[in-house]
């Protein structure tokens, strides 16, 4: 699976970013509004500072009884997260996510955050590749016009 992260997995993405000083409630509201499971945390120069995920919310905020409106993301985010580059492959992403038990990974090009890959994004790439493999095998086994009406 040689599909590159950019543009094969993520194409045009509207990044969900917040500042480390923003509150957990700001992140929860953004995640709810956008129907996403993680937000990228960037510093004032737009460099990646961290990531805040649903797991961070559960394990570092709710489980500890913290007030989401009063806690800054800097206290509960995953700082300096692992990242992918645009030229990494979907398989690189799957391997890293599997080994480290992640569901989201920021994608950076140098110092610039260019996107976020989720396990759902990778599932869609794998599914499309499997479907294409089946079509190619059917062509090989049954002839190139098999299944064409």
Protein backbone atom coordinates (compact mmCIF):
# COMPACT_ATOMS: atom_id res chain seq x y z
CA UNK A 1 0.00 0.00 0.00
CA UNK A 2 2.12 2.80 -1.38
CA UNK A 3 -0.53 5.49 -1.05
CA UNK A 4 1.13 8.69 0.12
CA UNK A 5 -0.40 10.58 3.05
CA UNK A 6 -0.69 13.73 0.90
CA UNK A 7 -2.62 13.67 -1.40
CA UNK A 8 -3.64 10.00 -1.18
CA UNK A 9 -5.08 9.95 2.32
CA UNK A 10 -5.71 13.61 3.04
CA UNK A 11 -6.37 16.09 0.31
CA UNK A 12 -7.95 19.36 1.27
CA UNK A 13 -8.49 19.46 4.98
CA UNK A 14 -9.77 22.25 7.13
CA UNK A 15 -7.55 21.95 10.17
CA UNK A 16 -9.05 22.09 13.63
CA UNK A 17 -6.43 23.92 15.69
CA UNK A 18 -6.34 25.56 19.08
CA UNK A 19 -3.72 27.28 21.20
CA UNK A 20 -2.21 25.68 24.35
CA UNK A 21 -3.84 28.43 26.45
CA UNK A 22 -7.34 27.58 25.20
CA UNK A 23 -9.48 25.55 27.56
CA UNK A 24 -10.43 21.91 27.37
CA UNK A 25 -14.02 23.10 26.91
CA UNK A 26 -12.91 25.03 23.81
CA UNK A 27 -11.52 21.76 22.44
CA UNK A 28 -14.65 19.81 23.35
CA UNK A 29 -16.85 22.39 21.64
CA UNK A 30 -14.70 22.36 18.50
CA UNK A 31 -14.57 18.57 18.41
CA UNK A 32 -18.35 18.38 18.85
CA UNK A 33 -19.02 21.03 16.22
CA UNK A 34 -16.72 19.41 13.65
CA UNK A 35 -17.57 15.80 14.63
CA UNK A 36 -13.91 14.91 15.08
CA UNK A 37 -11.98 13.00 17.72
CA UNK A 38 -8.88 15.17 18.02
CA UNK A 39 -7.61 18.72 17.61
CA UNK A 40 -4.15 19.96 16.77
CA UNK A 41 -2.59 22.34 19.27
CA UNK A 42 -0.32 24.99 17.74
CA UNK A 43 1.74 27.70 19.38
CA UNK A 44 1.62 31.39 18.45
CA UNK A 45 3.96 30.79 15.51
CA UNK A 46 1.62 28.05 14.18
CA UNK A 47 4.14 25.29 15.04
CA UNK A 48 2.82 21.99 16.35
CA UNK A 49 2.76 22.02 20.14
CA UNK A 50 0.60 18.97 20.74
CA UNK A 51 -2.59 17.07 20.10
CA UNK A 52 -5.70 16.76 22.24
CA UNK A 53 -7.82 13.66 21.72
CA UNK A 54 -10.92 12.02 23.12
CA UNK A 55 -8.62 9.74 25.12
CA UNK A 56 -6.89 12.77 26.64
CA UNK A 57 -10.30 14.11 27.61
CA UNK A 58 -11.33 10.88 29.29
CA UNK A 59 -8.03 9.96 30.96
CA UNK A 60 -6.60 13.35 31.86
CA UNK A 61 -9.70 15.46 32.49
CA UNK A 62 -12.86 13.48 33.25
CA UNK A 63 -11.17 10.65 35.19
CA UNK A 64 -9.40 13.23 37.37
CA UNK A 65 -12.52 15.31 37.95
CA UNK A 66 -11.05 18.45 36.41
CA UNK A 67 -13.16 21.41 35.30
CA UNK A 68 -13.03 21.42 31.49
CA UNK A 69 -13.77 25.15 31.35
CA UNK A 70 -10.90 26.02 33.67
CA UNK A 71 -8.11 23.72 32.48
CA UNK A 72 -5.83 24.92 29.68
CA UNK A 73 -4.99 22.43 26.97
CA UNK A 74 -1.29 22.82 27.78
CA UNK A 75 -1.89 20.87 31.01
CA UNK A 76 -3.66 17.88 29.44
CA UNK A 77 -2.64 17.65 25.76
CA UNK A 78 -0.15 15.17 24.41
CA UNK A 79 2.86 17.42 23.87
CA UNK A 80 5.35 16.78 21.05
CA UNK A 81 3.31 14.00 19.45
CA UNK A 82 4.62 11.59 16.88
CA UNK A 83 3.91 12.86 13.39
CA UNK A 84 3.81 11.79 9.78
CA UNK A 85 5.23 13.58 6.78
CA UNK A 86 3.33 14.17 3.54
CA UNK A 87 5.46 11.57 1.74
CA UNK A 88 4.94 8.84 4.33
CA UNK A 89 2.66 6.06 3.18
CA UNK A 90 -0.63 4.84 4.53
CA UNK A 91 1.22 1.68 5.62
CA UNK A 92 3.72 3.79 7.61
CA UNK A 93 0.76 5.42 9.33
CA UNK A 94 -0.96 2.11 10.06
CA UNK A 95 2.24 0.61 11.46
CA UNK A 96 2.82 3.58 13.77
CA UNK A 97 -0.80 3.75 14.86
CA UNK A 98 -0.88 0.03 15.58
CA UNK A 99 2.42 -0.03 17.46
CA UNK A 100 1.64 3.01 19.61
CA UNK A 101 -2.16 2.57 19.83
CA UNK A 102 -3.00 5.93 18.26
CA UNK A 103 -6.14 6.84 16.36
CA UNK A 104 -4.95 10.24 15.12
CA UNK A 105 -1.59 11.52 13.87
CA UNK A 106 -0.68 15.06 12.83
CA UNK A 107 0.94 15.47 9.42
CA UNK A 108 3.72 18.05 9.25
CA UNK A 109 5.84 19.34 6.42
CA UNK A 110 8.90 20.90 8.06
CA UNK A 111 7.44 23.17 10.72
CA UNK A 112 4.05 23.47 9.02
CA UNK A 113 1.08 21.38 10.10
CA UNK A 114 -0.64 20.25 6.91
CA UNK A 115 -3.24 17.83 8.22
CA UNK A 116 -4.34 15.08 10.55
CA UNK A 117 -4.73 11.42 9.66
CA UNK A 118 -7.29 9.33 11.50
CA UNK A 119 -7.68 5.59 11.59
CA UNK A 120 -10.97 6.13 9.73
CA UNK A 121 -9.08 7.86 6.89
CA UNK A 122 -6.74 4.88 6.66
CA UNK A 123 -9.62 2.41 6.76
CA UNK A 124 -11.10 4.11 3.70
CA UNK A 125 -7.78 3.87 1.84
CA UNK A 126 -7.37 0.18 2.71
CA UNK A 127 -10.99 -0.56 1.75
CA UNK A 128 -10.58 1.15 -1.64
CA UNK A 129 -7.34 -0.74 -2.28
CA UNK A 130 -8.94 -4.09 -1.38
CA UNK A 131 -11.88 -3.38 -3.68
CA UNK A 132 -9.48 -2.52 -6.51
CA UNK A 133 -7.49 -5.72 -5.87
CA UNK A 134 -10.69 -7.79 -6.13
CA UNK A 135 -11.63 -6.09 -9.42
CA UNK A 136 -8.15 -6.74 -10.84
CA UNK A 137 -8.24 -10.40 -9.81
CA UNK A 138 -11.68 -10.85 -11.34
CA UNK A 139 -10.39 -9.36 -14.60
CA UNK A 140 -7.46 -11.76 -14.54
CA UNK A 141 -9.51 -14.84 -13.67
CA UNK A 142 -12.61 -14.23 -15.75
CA UNK A 143 -11.35 -11.98 -18.50
CA UNK A 144 -11.26 -8.21 -18.76
CA UNK A 145 -14.99 -7.79 -19.41
CA UNK A 146 -16.22 -9.85 -16.46
CA UNK A 147 -19.09 -8.15 -14.69
CA UNK A 148 -19.48 -5.40 -17.30
CA UNK A 149 -23.07 -5.06 -18.48
